[in-house]
Protein backbone atom coordinates (compact mmCIF):
# COMPACT_ATOMS: atom_id res chain seq x y z
CA MET A 1 -1.62 9.89 14.28
CA LYS A 2 1.31 9.50 16.64
CA LEU A 3 4.35 11.81 16.91
CA MET A 4 7.79 10.27 17.50
CA THR A 5 11.29 11.69 17.34
CA ALA A 6 13.73 10.27 14.84
CA THR A 7 15.72 8.84 17.76
CA GLU A 8 12.63 7.07 19.15
CA VAL A 9 11.86 5.63 15.76
CA SER A 10 15.40 4.38 15.23
CA ARG A 11 15.47 2.73 18.66
CA ASN A 12 12.05 1.11 18.25
CA PHE A 13 11.83 0.50 14.52
CA ALA A 14 10.32 -3.00 14.79
CA ALA A 15 7.57 -1.65 17.07
CA VAL A 16 6.99 1.25 14.66
CA LEU A 17 6.55 -1.19 11.78
CA ASP A 18 4.17 -3.29 13.88
CA ALA A 19 2.06 -0.21 14.64
CA VAL A 20 2.01 0.79 10.97
CA GLU A 21 1.05 -2.75 9.98
CA HIS A 22 -1.95 -2.40 12.30
CA GLY A 23 -3.07 0.82 10.63
CA GLU A 24 -1.35 3.55 12.64
CA THR A 25 0.32 6.53 10.97
CA ILE A 26 3.41 7.93 12.66
CA THR A 27 4.85 11.40 12.10
CA ILE A 28 8.60 11.61 12.69
CA THR A 29 10.13 14.78 14.10
CA ARG A 30 13.69 16.04 14.36
CA GLY A 31 14.50 19.22 16.24
CA ASN A 32 10.79 19.93 16.73
CA HIS A 33 10.19 19.88 12.97
CA ARG A 34 8.07 17.30 11.23
CA ILE A 35 10.32 15.58 8.72
CA ALA A 36 8.51 12.43 7.63
CA ARG A 37 5.40 10.34 7.92
CA ILE A 38 5.19 6.58 7.87
CA GLY A 39 1.88 4.83 7.46
CA PRO A 40 0.13 1.83 6.01
CA GLU A 41 0.39 1.27 2.29
CA PRO A 42 -3.01 1.90 0.72
CA HIS A 43 -4.45 -1.27 -0.73
CA VAL A 44 -5.59 -0.97 -4.32
CA SER A 45 -6.79 -4.05 -6.13
CA ALA A 46 -5.78 -4.66 -9.72
CA ARG A 47 -9.36 -4.00 -10.81
CA GLU A 48 -9.42 -0.65 -8.95
CA ALA A 49 -6.09 0.33 -10.50
CA LEU A 50 -7.42 -0.54 -13.93
CA GLU A 51 -10.54 1.56 -13.38
CA LYS A 52 -8.46 4.52 -12.21
CA LEU A 53 -6.22 4.20 -15.23
CA ALA A 54 -9.17 4.01 -17.60
CA ASN A 55 -10.91 6.99 -15.95
CA ARG A 56 -7.97 9.41 -15.86
CA GLY A 57 -9.23 11.27 -18.89
CA GLU A 58 -6.06 10.55 -20.81
CA ARG A 59 -5.87 8.51 -23.95
CA VAL A 60 -4.71 5.01 -23.10
CA ASP A 61 -3.99 2.35 -25.71
CA GLU A 62 -7.10 0.16 -25.88
CA HIS A 63 -5.01 -2.97 -26.56
CA TYR A 64 -3.10 -2.29 -23.34
CA LEU A 65 -6.33 -1.89 -21.36
CA SER A 66 -7.72 -5.03 -22.95
CA ASP A 67 -4.62 -7.00 -21.97
CA ILE A 68 -4.88 -5.71 -18.41
CA ARG A 69 -8.59 -6.58 -18.21
CA ASP A 70 -7.86 -10.09 -19.48
CA ALA A 71 -5.09 -10.51 -16.91
CA VAL A 72 -7.28 -9.28 -14.03
CA ASP A 73 -10.20 -11.46 -15.12
CA GLY A 74 -7.89 -14.47 -15.23
CA LEU A 75 -6.68 -14.02 -11.66
CA ASP A 76 -7.73 -16.46 -9.00
CA HIS A 77 -9.02 -14.11 -6.28
CA GLU A 78 -9.41 -16.80 -3.64
CA ILE A 79 -7.01 -16.40 -0.72
CA ARG A 80 -5.54 -19.70 0.37
CA ASP A 81 -2.99 -20.77 2.95
CA PRO A 82 0.06 -21.85 0.90
CA TRP A 83 1.18 -24.16 3.72
CA GLU A 84 -2.15 -25.92 4.08
CA GLU A 85 -2.00 -29.57 3.14
CA ASN A 86 -4.48 -30.67 0.52
């Protein structure tokens, strides 16, 4: 984890975003107090989200879960280059 002042972050925001995109977490300080943290967004697949929802211990409408399962199962999980010529 890297510490940066708010001024440093504002002057180097593109570089901060690049670092975050590459997995770094940055804590932002102002007046020697930690005020914020910026870091990579955790990746959760649709299937993982569905499992977490189903395992929360709360009652969830089974039709809703069924619709979500059907949608996830129908996804094409192959990653392709959209600009690639066929």
